[in-house]
Amino acid sequence: MRKFFVVLFTFFLVTQSFGQTQRKVSTFLLTQYNSTLYDYTKGNNPWGIGLGLQTFFNNKTKFKPTLELTGDVYLEDDKVLRSNPDGSFPENSNDVGGMVNLFVGSSFHPNQGIYLSFVAGPSFISGQTLFGIKPSFGFYFSKKQRWTGKVSYINVFNRTKIINEDFGSLSLAIGLKLF
């Protein structure tokens, strides 16, 4: 897994090093709502809200390197202690109190109004560092690209160590361009 991160980081640096012309960066401040699609403790974390930053490294192609940092807090909890999938009881809470994602990848902008992105990287949930992916469909509300909306699917692999179940959510975000 470390090799994957090293290769991904190297790829990201190499794409930025070719033709060191002055490139613009577009950064959006996002507010988002996440609805949990599947998790073995879904009742303890059915939805969450959060903030994030998404940066596009603009170049002359339709593919743009993308960096995304998001943090979400899961406020609702049905207060039910759920056993682990193997029947044992967890030492500490087995819910998702919060999630922080640091994802890098690429986005494809076929025209000025929409984009598709795929980012991946570490996801930090309940003291664990896990691997996650986030494919997204984004759009701009105007040609000035001041506001963006985005629908994303987030999958964090192997959240439970006992049976390697994933955590998945649907994310709806609205963002304001900072620069």
N, C-alpha and C. Protein backbone atom coordinates (compact mmCIF):
# COMPACT_ATOMS: atom_id res chain seq x y z
N MET A 1 0.82 -1.18 0.00
CA MET A 1 0.00 0.00 0.00
C MET A 1 0.88 1.25 0.00
N ARG A 2 2.03 1.20 0.67
CA ARG A 2 2.93 2.34 0.66
C ARG A 2 3.47 2.59 -0.74
N LYS A 3 3.73 1.50 -1.47
CA LYS A 3 4.22 1.65 -2.84
C LYS A 3 3.20 2.39 -3.69
N PHE A 4 1.92 2.10 -3.48
CA PHE A 4 0.86 2.76 -4.23
C PHE A 4 0.88 4.26 -3.97
N PHE A 5 1.01 4.66 -2.69
CA PHE A 5 1.04 6.08 -2.35
C PHE A 5 2.28 6.76 -2.93
N VAL A 6 3.41 6.08 -2.91
CA VAL A 6 4.63 6.65 -3.46
C VAL A 6 4.47 6.85 -4.97
N VAL A 7 3.92 5.85 -5.67
CA VAL A 7 3.71 5.97 -7.11
C VAL A 7 2.71 7.08 -7.41
N LEU A 8 1.63 7.14 -6.66
CA LEU A 8 0.61 8.16 -6.88
C LEU A 8 1.18 9.56 -6.63
N PHE A 9 1.96 9.73 -5.57
CA PHE A 9 2.56 11.01 -5.27
C PHE A 9 3.59 11.40 -6.33
N THR A 10 4.39 10.44 -6.78
CA THR A 10 5.37 10.71 -7.83
C THR A 10 4.68 11.11 -9.13
N PHE A 11 3.61 10.41 -9.49
CA PHE A 11 2.84 10.77 -10.68
C PHE A 11 2.32 12.19 -10.58
N PHE A 12 1.82 12.56 -9.41
CA PHE A 12 1.29 13.90 -9.19
C PHE A 12 2.39 14.95 -9.36
N LEU A 13 3.58 14.68 -8.82
CA LEU A 13 4.69 15.63 -8.94
C LEU A 13 5.18 15.74 -10.37
N VAL A 14 5.25 14.62 -11.07
CA VAL A 14 5.75 14.63 -12.45
C VAL A 14 4.80 15.41 -13.35
N THR A 15 3.50 15.26 -13.16
CA THR A 15 2.57 16.00 -14.01
C THR A 15 2.70 17.50 -13.79
N GLN A 16 3.14 17.90 -12.62
CA GLN A 16 3.32 19.32 -12.35
C GLN A 16 4.67 19.85 -12.81
N SER A 17 5.66 18.97 -12.99
CA SER A 17 7.00 19.44 -13.30
C SER A 17 7.25 19.66 -14.79
N PHE A 18 6.47 19.04 -15.66
CA PHE A 18 6.68 19.24 -17.09
C PHE A 18 6.22 20.63 -17.50
N GLY A 19 7.09 21.35 -18.21
CA GLY A 19 6.73 22.67 -18.71
C GLY A 19 6.39 23.63 -17.60
N GLN A 20 7.34 24.00 -16.81
CA GLN A 20 7.09 24.82 -15.63
C GLN A 20 6.63 26.23 -15.97
N THR A 21 5.61 26.33 -16.80
CA THR A 21 5.02 27.63 -17.05
C THR A 21 4.12 27.99 -15.88
N GLN A 22 3.79 29.25 -15.79
CA GLN A 22 2.93 29.70 -14.71
C GLN A 22 1.54 29.09 -14.89
N ARG A 23 1.13 28.27 -13.95
CA ARG A 23 -0.18 27.63 -14.04
C ARG A 23 -1.08 28.20 -12.96
N LYS A 24 -2.33 28.34 -13.33
CA LYS A 24 -3.30 28.82 -12.36
C LYS A 24 -3.82 27.66 -11.54
N VAL A 25 -4.23 27.97 -10.35
CA VAL A 25 -4.82 27.00 -9.44
C VAL A 25 -6.22 27.49 -9.09
N SER A 26 -7.19 26.60 -9.17
CA SER A 26 -8.56 26.92 -8.77
C SER A 26 -8.87 26.14 -7.51
N THR A 27 -9.21 26.86 -6.44
CA THR A 27 -9.52 26.22 -5.16
C THR A 27 -10.94 26.58 -4.75
N PHE A 28 -11.69 25.57 -4.35
CA PHE A 28 -13.08 25.75 -3.92
C PHE A 28 -13.23 25.34 -2.46
N LEU A 29 -13.96 26.14 -1.71
CA LEU A 29 -14.36 25.78 -0.35
C LEU A 29 -15.70 25.08 -0.45
N LEU A 30 -15.75 23.82 0.01
CA LEU A 30 -16.95 23.00 -0.14
C LEU A 30 -17.65 22.81 1.20
N THR A 31 -18.95 22.79 1.17
CA THR A 31 -19.74 22.30 2.29
C THR A 31 -20.50 21.09 1.76
N GLN A 32 -20.57 20.04 2.56
CA GLN A 32 -21.12 18.79 2.02
C GLN A 32 -21.98 18.05 3.03
N TYR A 33 -22.84 17.23 2.47
CA TYR A 33 -23.71 16.34 3.23
C TYR A 33 -23.40 14.92 2.75
N ASN A 34 -23.15 14.01 3.69
CA ASN A 34 -22.87 12.61 3.35
C ASN A 34 -23.98 11.73 3.92
N SER A 35 -24.50 10.87 3.09
CA SER A 35 -25.49 9.88 3.52
C SER A 35 -24.84 8.51 3.45
N THR A 36 -24.81 7.81 4.57
CA THR A 36 -24.17 6.50 4.62
C THR A 36 -25.00 5.50 3.82
N LEU A 37 -24.35 4.84 2.87
CA LEU A 37 -25.01 3.83 2.06
C LEU A 37 -24.88 2.45 2.69
N TYR A 38 -23.67 2.13 3.17
CA TYR A 38 -23.47 0.84 3.82
C TYR A 38 -22.32 0.93 4.82
N ASP A 39 -22.54 0.26 5.93
CA ASP A 39 -21.57 0.14 7.01
C ASP A 39 -22.21 -0.78 8.04
N TYR A 40 -21.42 -1.56 8.72
CA TYR A 40 -22.04 -2.47 9.67
C TYR A 40 -22.60 -1.74 10.89
N THR A 41 -22.25 -0.47 11.09
CA THR A 41 -22.85 0.34 12.15
C THR A 41 -23.62 1.51 11.56
N LYS A 42 -24.32 1.29 10.47
CA LYS A 42 -25.02 2.36 9.77
C LYS A 42 -25.99 3.12 10.68
N GLY A 43 -26.63 2.45 11.60
CA GLY A 43 -27.55 3.12 12.52
C GLY A 43 -26.85 4.10 13.44
N ASN A 44 -25.58 3.89 13.71
CA ASN A 44 -24.82 4.81 14.56
C ASN A 44 -24.28 6.00 13.77
N ASN A 45 -24.29 5.95 12.48
CA ASN A 45 -23.77 7.05 11.65
C ASN A 45 -24.51 7.13 10.31
N PRO A 46 -25.82 7.46 10.35
CA PRO A 46 -26.58 7.46 9.09
C PRO A 46 -26.25 8.63 8.16
N TRP A 47 -25.76 9.74 8.69
CA TRP A 47 -25.42 10.89 7.84
C TRP A 47 -24.40 11.76 8.55
N GLY A 48 -23.73 12.59 7.74
CA GLY A 48 -22.74 13.50 8.28
C GLY A 48 -22.67 14.77 7.46
N ILE A 49 -22.09 15.81 8.05
CA ILE A 49 -21.89 17.07 7.36
C ILE A 49 -20.43 17.47 7.51
N GLY A 50 -19.95 18.29 6.58
CA GLY A 50 -18.55 18.67 6.68
C GLY A 50 -18.15 19.78 5.73
N LEU A 51 -16.87 20.09 5.81
CA LEU A 51 -16.25 21.11 4.97
C LEU A 51 -15.08 20.50 4.23
N GLY A 52 -14.69 21.14 3.14
CA GLY A 52 -13.56 20.63 2.40
C GLY A 52 -12.97 21.68 1.47
N LEU A 53 -11.81 21.35 0.96
CA LEU A 53 -11.14 22.16 -0.05
C LEU A 53 -10.85 21.27 -1.24
N GLN A 54 -11.16 21.76 -2.42
CA GLN A 54 -10.83 21.03 -3.64
C GLN A 54 -10.02 21.97 -4.54
N THR A 55 -8.87 21.49 -4.99
CA THR A 55 -7.99 22.29 -5.82
C THR A 55 -7.80 21.61 -7.17
N PHE A 56 -7.99 22.39 -8.23
CA PHE A 56 -7.71 21.95 -9.59
C PHE A 56 -6.45 22.67 -10.05
N PHE A 57 -5.50 21.93 -10.58
CA PHE A 57 -4.29 22.52 -11.14
C PHE A 57 -4.53 22.67 -12.64
N ASN A 58 -4.87 23.88 -13.04
CA ASN A 58 -5.27 24.15 -14.42
C ASN A 58 -4.09 24.03 -15.37
N ASN A 59 -4.35 23.41 -16.50
CA ASN A 59 -3.36 23.28 -17.56
C ASN A 59 -4.10 23.40 -18.89
N LYS A 60 -3.42 23.16 -19.98
CA LYS A 60 -4.03 23.36 -21.30
C LYS A 60 -4.78 22.14 -21.80
N THR A 61 -4.84 21.08 -21.03
CA THR A 61 -5.56 19.89 -21.45
C THR A 61 -6.89 19.81 -20.70
N LYS A 62 -7.69 18.84 -21.07
CA LYS A 62 -8.96 18.64 -20.39
C LYS A 62 -8.81 17.83 -19.10
N PHE A 63 -7.64 17.22 -18.91
CA PHE A 63 -7.36 16.48 -17.68
C PHE A 63 -6.56 17.38 -16.74
N LYS A 64 -7.03 17.52 -15.52
CA LYS A 64 -6.38 18.39 -14.55
C LYS A 64 -6.09 17.60 -13.28
N PRO A 65 -4.86 17.70 -12.76
CA PRO A 65 -4.58 17.09 -11.45
C PRO A 65 -5.47 17.75 -10.39
N THR A 66 -5.91 16.95 -9.44
CA THR A 66 -6.85 17.42 -8.43
C THR A 66 -6.39 16.96 -7.04
N LEU A 67 -6.56 17.85 -6.09
CA LEU A 67 -6.26 17.56 -4.69
C LEU A 67 -7.49 17.91 -3.87
N GLU A 68 -7.86 17.03 -2.96
CA GLU A 68 -9.08 17.25 -2.18
C GLU A 68 -8.85 16.88 -0.72
N LEU A 69 -9.19 17.80 0.17
CA LEU A 69 -9.12 17.58 1.61
C LEU A 69 -10.49 17.86 2.19
N THR A 70 -11.10 16.86 2.81
CA THR A 70 -12.43 17.03 3.40
C THR A 70 -12.46 16.49 4.82
N GLY A 71 -13.32 17.07 5.62
CA GLY A 71 -13.54 16.60 6.98
C GLY A 71 -15.02 16.58 7.27
N ASP A 72 -15.51 15.47 7.78
CA ASP A 72 -16.94 15.31 8.05
C ASP A 72 -17.13 14.84 9.49
N VAL A 73 -18.23 15.26 10.08
CA VAL A 73 -18.61 14.80 11.40
C VAL A 73 -19.99 14.15 11.28
N TYR A 74 -20.14 13.00 11.91
CA TYR A 74 -21.40 12.25 11.88
C TYR A 74 -22.10 12.50 13.21
N LEU A 75 -23.15 13.33 13.18
CA LEU A 75 -23.80 13.82 14.39
C LEU A 75 -24.88 12.89 14.93
N GLU A 76 -25.61 12.25 14.06
CA GLU A 76 -26.73 11.43 14.52
C GLU A 76 -26.22 10.05 14.94
N ASP A 77 -26.80 9.54 16.01
CA ASP A 77 -26.41 8.25 16.55
C ASP A 77 -27.63 7.68 17.26
N ASP A 78 -27.97 6.44 16.98
CA ASP A 78 -29.13 5.86 17.64
C ASP A 78 -28.80 5.27 19.01
N LYS A 79 -27.55 5.45 19.47
CA LYS A 79 -27.10 5.06 20.82
C LYS A 79 -27.24 3.56 21.10
N VAL A 80 -27.14 2.76 20.07
CA VAL A 80 -27.22 1.31 20.22
C VAL A 80 -25.81 0.74 20.09
N LEU A 81 -25.39 -0.04 21.07
CA LEU A 81 -24.09 -0.70 20.99
C LEU A 81 -24.23 -1.90 20.06
N ARG A 82 -23.46 -1.90 19.02
CA ARG A 82 -23.50 -2.99 18.06
C ARG A 82 -22.26 -3.84 18.26
N SER A 83 -22.47 -5.13 18.25
CA SER A 83 -21.33 -6.03 18.38
C SER A 83 -20.55 -6.07 17.08
N ASN A 84 -19.33 -6.52 17.18
CA ASN A 84 -18.51 -6.71 15.99
C ASN A 84 -19.12 -7.81 15.13
N PRO A 85 -18.79 -7.86 13.86
CA PRO A 85 -19.35 -8.90 12.99
C PRO A 85 -19.06 -10.33 13.45
N ASP A 86 -18.03 -10.53 14.26
CA ASP A 86 -17.73 -11.87 14.75
C ASP A 86 -18.45 -12.19 16.07
N GLY A 87 -19.30 -11.25 16.55
CA GLY A 87 -20.06 -11.48 17.77
C GLY A 87 -19.42 -10.89 19.02
N SER A 88 -18.17 -10.48 18.96
CA SER A 88 -17.51 -9.87 20.11
C SER A 88 -17.95 -8.42 20.26
N PHE A 89 -17.72 -7.87 21.44
CA PHE A 89 -18.06 -6.48 21.67
C PHE A 89 -16.82 -5.61 21.52
N PRO A 90 -16.95 -4.44 20.91
CA PRO A 90 -15.79 -3.58 20.68
C PRO A 90 -15.27 -2.99 21.98
N GLU A 91 -13.95 -2.76 22.05
CA GLU A 91 -13.35 -2.14 23.22
C GLU A 91 -13.76 -0.68 23.33
N ASN A 92 -13.79 0.00 22.22
CA ASN A 92 -14.28 1.38 22.18
C ASN A 92 -15.40 1.45 21.16
N SER A 93 -15.95 2.62 20.98
CA SER A 93 -17.09 2.77 20.09
C SER A 93 -16.76 2.31 18.67
N ASN A 94 -17.69 1.62 18.06
CA ASN A 94 -17.46 1.14 16.69
C ASN A 94 -18.21 1.99 15.66
N ASP A 95 -18.67 3.18 16.06
CA ASP A 95 -19.34 4.06 15.10
C ASP A 95 -18.31 4.96 14.40
N VAL A 96 -18.78 5.71 13.43
CA VAL A 96 -17.94 6.66 12.71
C VAL A 96 -18.27 8.04 13.27
N GLY A 97 -17.44 8.54 14.17
CA GLY A 97 -17.68 9.87 14.73
C GLY A 97 -17.28 10.96 13.77
N GLY A 98 -16.24 10.70 13.00
CA GLY A 98 -15.76 11.68 12.03
C GLY A 98 -14.90 11.00 10.98
N MET A 99 -14.71 11.69 9.88
CA MET A 99 -13.90 11.15 8.79
C MET A 99 -13.15 12.31 8.13
N VAL A 100 -11.86 12.12 7.93
CA VAL A 100 -11.03 13.08 7.21
C VAL A 100 -10.43 12.36 6.02
N ASN A 101 -10.54 12.96 4.84
CA ASN A 101 -10.02 12.37 3.61
C ASN A 101 -9.00 13.32 2.98
N LEU A 102 -7.88 12.76 2.56
CA LEU A 102 -6.88 13.50 1.81
C LEU A 102 -6.66 12.73 0.51
N PHE A 103 -7.32 13.19 -0.53
CA PHE A 103 -7.34 12.46 -1.79
C PHE A 103 -6.65 13.26 -2.90
N VAL A 104 -5.95 12.55 -3.78
CA VAL A 104 -5.36 13.14 -4.98
C VAL A 104 -5.79 12.31 -6.18
N GLY A 105 -5.82 12.95 -7.33
CA GLY A 105 -6.21 12.23 -8.53
C GLY A 105 -6.29 13.16 -9.71
N SER A 106 -7.23 12.88 -10.58
CA SER A 106 -7.36 13.64 -11.82
C SER A 106 -8.83 13.95 -12.07
N SER A 107 -9.04 15.05 -12.78
CA SER A 107 -10.39 15.41 -13.19
C SER A 107 -10.40 15.63 -14.70
N PHE A 108 -11.52 15.33 -15.30
CA PHE A 108 -11.71 15.49 -16.74
C PHE A 108 -12.78 16.54 -16.96
N HIS A 109 -12.45 17.61 -17.69
CA HIS A 109 -13.35 18.71 -17.95
C HIS A 109 -13.68 18.74 -19.45
N PRO A 110 -14.75 18.04 -19.88
CA PRO A 110 -15.06 17.99 -21.30
C PRO A 110 -15.53 19.34 -21.87
N ASN A 111 -16.12 20.18 -21.01
CA ASN A 111 -16.50 21.53 -21.42
C ASN A 111 -16.46 22.43 -20.19
N GLN A 112 -16.90 23.68 -20.32
CA GLN A 112 -16.82 24.62 -19.21
C GLN A 112 -17.84 24.37 -18.12
N GLY A 113 -18.83 23.56 -18.39
CA GLY A 113 -19.92 23.41 -17.43
C GLY A 113 -19.87 22.21 -16.52
N ILE A 114 -19.15 21.15 -16.91
CA ILE A 114 -19.15 19.93 -16.11
C ILE A 114 -17.74 19.35 -15.99
N TYR A 115 -17.58 18.47 -15.01
CA TYR A 115 -16.32 17.74 -14.88
C TYR A 115 -16.58 16.41 -14.18
N LEU A 116 -15.71 15.46 -14.45
CA LEU A 116 -15.70 14.17 -13.79
C LEU A 116 -14.36 14.04 -13.10
N SER A 117 -14.35 13.52 -11.90
CA SER A 117 -13.07 13.36 -11.21
C SER A 117 -13.00 12.00 -10.54
N PHE A 118 -11.78 11.54 -10.37
CA PHE A 118 -11.52 10.33 -9.62
C PHE A 118 -10.30 10.60 -8.75
N VAL A 119 -10.51 10.53 -7.44
CA VAL A 119 -9.43 10.78 -6.49
C VAL A 119 -9.36 9.61 -5.51
N ALA A 120 -8.19 9.42 -4.94
CA ALA A 120 -7.99 8.32 -4.00
C ALA A 120 -6.91 8.73 -3.01
N GLY A 121 -6.90 8.05 -1.86
CA GLY A 121 -5.87 8.34 -0.87
C GLY A 121 -6.28 7.89 0.51
N PRO A 122 -5.57 8.40 1.53
CA PRO A 122 -5.86 7.97 2.89
C PRO A 122 -7.14 8.60 3.43
N SER A 123 -7.86 7.80 4.17
CA SER A 123 -9.07 8.23 4.86
C SER A 123 -8.89 7.88 6.34
N PHE A 124 -9.12 8.86 7.19
CA PHE A 124 -8.90 8.68 8.62
C PHE A 124 -10.26 8.60 9.31
N ILE A 125 -10.58 7.41 9.83
CA ILE A 125 -11.86 7.17 10.49
C ILE A 125 -11.60 6.52 11.84
N SER A 126 -12.10 7.13 12.91
CA SER A 126 -12.04 6.57 14.27
C SER A 126 -10.63 6.09 14.62
N GLY A 127 -9.63 6.90 14.34
CA GLY A 127 -8.26 6.54 14.69
C GLY A 127 -7.59 5.56 13.75
N GLN A 128 -8.24 5.16 12.69
CA GLN A 128 -7.67 4.23 11.72
C GLN A 128 -7.31 4.99 10.45
N THR A 129 -6.23 4.58 9.81
CA THR A 129 -5.86 5.12 8.51
C THR A 129 -6.19 4.06 7.47
N LEU A 130 -7.14 4.37 6.60
CA LEU A 130 -7.64 3.41 5.62
C LEU A 130 -7.51 4.01 4.22
N PHE A 131 -7.69 3.19 3.21
CA PHE A 131 -7.62 3.64 1.83
C PHE A 131 -9.03 3.86 1.30
N GLY A 132 -9.24 5.01 0.62
CA GLY A 132 -10.54 5.32 0.08
C GLY A 132 -10.46 5.84 -1.34
N ILE A 133 -11.59 5.76 -2.03
CA ILE A 133 -11.71 6.30 -3.38
C ILE A 133 -12.94 7.19 -3.44
N LYS A 134 -12.92 8.12 -4.40
CA LYS A 134 -14.05 9.04 -4.52
C LYS A 134 -14.23 9.47 -5.98
N PRO A 135 -15.04 8.76 -6.75
CA PRO A 135 -15.41 9.25 -8.08
C PRO A 135 -16.52 10.30 -7.93
N SER A 136 -16.48 11.33 -8.77
CA SER A 136 -17.44 12.44 -8.64
C SER A 136 -17.90 12.94 -9.99
N PHE A 137 -19.09 13.51 -9.98
CA PHE A 137 -19.62 14.27 -11.11
C PHE A 137 -19.85 15.68 -10.61
N GLY A 138 -19.21 16.66 -11.24
CA GLY A 138 -19.34 18.04 -10.81
C GLY A 138 -19.85 18.92 -11.93
N PHE A 139 -20.39 20.05 -11.54
CA PHE A 139 -20.92 21.01 -12.51
C PHE A 139 -20.74 22.42 -11.94
N TYR A 140 -20.74 23.38 -12.82
CA TYR A 140 -20.65 24.78 -12.43
C TYR A 140 -22.01 25.43 -12.66
N PHE A 141 -22.37 26.36 -11.79
CA PHE A 141 -23.66 27.01 -11.90
C PHE A 141 -23.67 28.13 -12.95
N SER A 142 -22.48 28.60 -13.35
CA SER A 142 -22.41 29.64 -14.38
C SER A 142 -21.11 29.48 -15.16
N LYS A 143 -20.97 30.24 -16.23
CA LYS A 143 -19.75 30.17 -17.04
C LYS A 143 -18.54 30.75 -16.32
N LYS A 144 -18.77 31.61 -15.33
CA LYS A 144 -17.67 32.19 -14.56
C LYS A 144 -17.05 31.17 -13.60
N GLN A 145 -17.72 30.06 -13.40
CA GLN A 145 -17.24 28.97 -12.54
C GLN A 145 -16.97 29.44 -11.11
N ARG A 146 -17.79 30.33 -10.61
CA ARG A 146 -17.65 30.84 -9.25
C ARG A 146 -18.23 29.84 -8.23
N TRP A 147 -19.32 29.17 -8.57
CA TRP A 147 -19.96 28.19 -7.71
C TRP A 147 -19.95 26.84 -8.41
N THR A 148 -19.75 25.79 -7.63
CA THR A 148 -19.78 24.43 -8.17
C THR A 148 -20.67 23.55 -7.30
N GLY A 149 -21.22 22.55 -7.91
CA GLY A 149 -21.96 21.51 -7.21
C GLY A 149 -21.33 20.17 -7.57
N LYS A 150 -21.45 19.21 -6.67
CA LYS A 150 -20.78 17.94 -6.91
C LYS A 150 -21.54 16.81 -6.23
N VAL A 151 -21.67 15.70 -6.94
CA VAL A 151 -22.24 14.47 -6.40
C VAL A 151 -21.13 13.43 -6.44
N SER A 152 -20.86 12.81 -5.30
CA SER A 152 -19.74 11.87 -5.19
C SER A 152 -20.15 10.60 -4.49
N TYR A 153 -19.43 9.56 -4.81
CA TYR A 153 -19.55 8.27 -4.12
C TYR A 153 -18.22 8.05 -3.39
N ILE A 154 -18.28 7.79 -2.10
CA ILE A 154 -17.07 7.56 -1.32
C ILE A 154 -17.07 6.12 -0.85
N ASN A 155 -15.98 5.41 -1.09
CA ASN A 155 -15.83 4.05 -0.59
C ASN A 155 -14.50 3.97 0.17
N VAL A 156 -14.59 3.61 1.44
CA VAL A 156 -13.40 3.40 2.27
C VAL A 156 -13.29 1.90 2.49
N PHE A 157 -12.17 1.35 2.06
CA PHE A 157 -11.99 -0.10 2.07
C PHE A 157 -11.62 -0.63 3.45
N ASN A 158 -12.16 -1.80 3.79
CA ASN A 158 -11.78 -2.58 4.97
C ASN A 158 -11.87 -1.80 6.27
N ARG A 159 -13.02 -1.16 6.53
CA ARG A 159 -13.18 -0.41 7.78
C ARG A 159 -13.14 -1.32 8.99
N THR A 160 -13.72 -2.50 8.87
CA THR A 160 -13.67 -3.44 9.98
C THR A 160 -12.59 -4.46 9.72
N LYS A 161 -11.68 -4.58 10.65
CA LYS A 161 -10.55 -5.49 10.49
C LYS A 161 -10.97 -6.96 10.57
N ILE A 162 -12.07 -7.22 11.25
CA ILE A 162 -12.47 -8.61 11.50
C ILE A 162 -12.93 -9.30 10.22
N ILE A 163 -13.78 -8.64 9.42
CA ILE A 163 -14.27 -9.27 8.19
C ILE A 163 -14.06 -8.41 6.95
N ASN A 164 -13.29 -7.33 7.07
CA ASN A 164 -12.94 -6.47 5.93
C ASN A 164 -14.15 -5.93 5.19
N GLU A 165 -15.10 -5.36 5.92
CA GLU A 165 -16.25 -4.70 5.28
C GLU A 165 -15.90 -3.26 5.00
N ASP A 166 -16.48 -2.73 3.93
CA ASP A 166 -16.22 -1.36 3.51
C ASP A 166 -17.24 -0.39 4.12
N PHE A 167 -16.89 0.88 4.06
CA PHE A 167 -17.78 1.97 4.45
C PHE A 167 -18.06 2.78 3.19
N GLY A 168 -19.33 3.00 2.87
CA GLY A 168 -19.67 3.73 1.66
C GLY A 168 -20.68 4.82 1.93
N SER A 169 -20.53 5.93 1.22
CA SER A 169 -21.49 7.02 1.38
C SER A 169 -21.67 7.78 0.08
N LEU A 170 -22.80 8.47 -0.02
CA LEU A 170 -23.12 9.35 -1.12
C LEU A 170 -22.95 10.77 -0.61
N SER A 171 -22.20 11.59 -1.32
CA SER A 171 -21.89 12.94 -0.87
C SER A 171 -22.46 13.97 -1.85
N LEU A 172 -23.12 14.98 -1.31
CA LEU A 172 -23.63 16.11 -2.09
C LEU A 172 -22.91 17.35 -1.58
N ALA A 173 -22.28 18.10 -2.48
CA ALA A 173 -21.47 19.25 -2.05
C ALA A 173 -21.76 20.47 -2.91
N ILE A 174 -21.62 21.62 -2.28
CA ILE A 174 -21.70 22.92 -2.95
C ILE A 174 -20.43 23.67 -2.57
N GLY A 175 -19.79 24.28 -3.58
CA GLY A 175 -18.54 24.96 -3.32
C GLY A 175 -18.47 26.35 -3.90
N LEU A 176 -17.73 27.22 -3.21
CA LEU A 176 -17.48 28.59 -3.62
C LEU A 176 -16.02 28.73 -3.97
N LYS A 177 -15.72 29.32 -5.11
CA LYS A 177 -14.34 29.49 -5.57
C LYS A 177 -13.64 30.52 -4.70
N LEU A 178 -12.52 30.12 -4.11
CA LEU A 178 -11.74 31.04 -3.29
C LEU A 178 -10.74 31.81 -4.15
N PHE A 179 -10.05 31.11 -5.03
CA PHE A 179 -9.10 31.72 -5.98
C PHE A 179 -8.83 30.77 -7.11
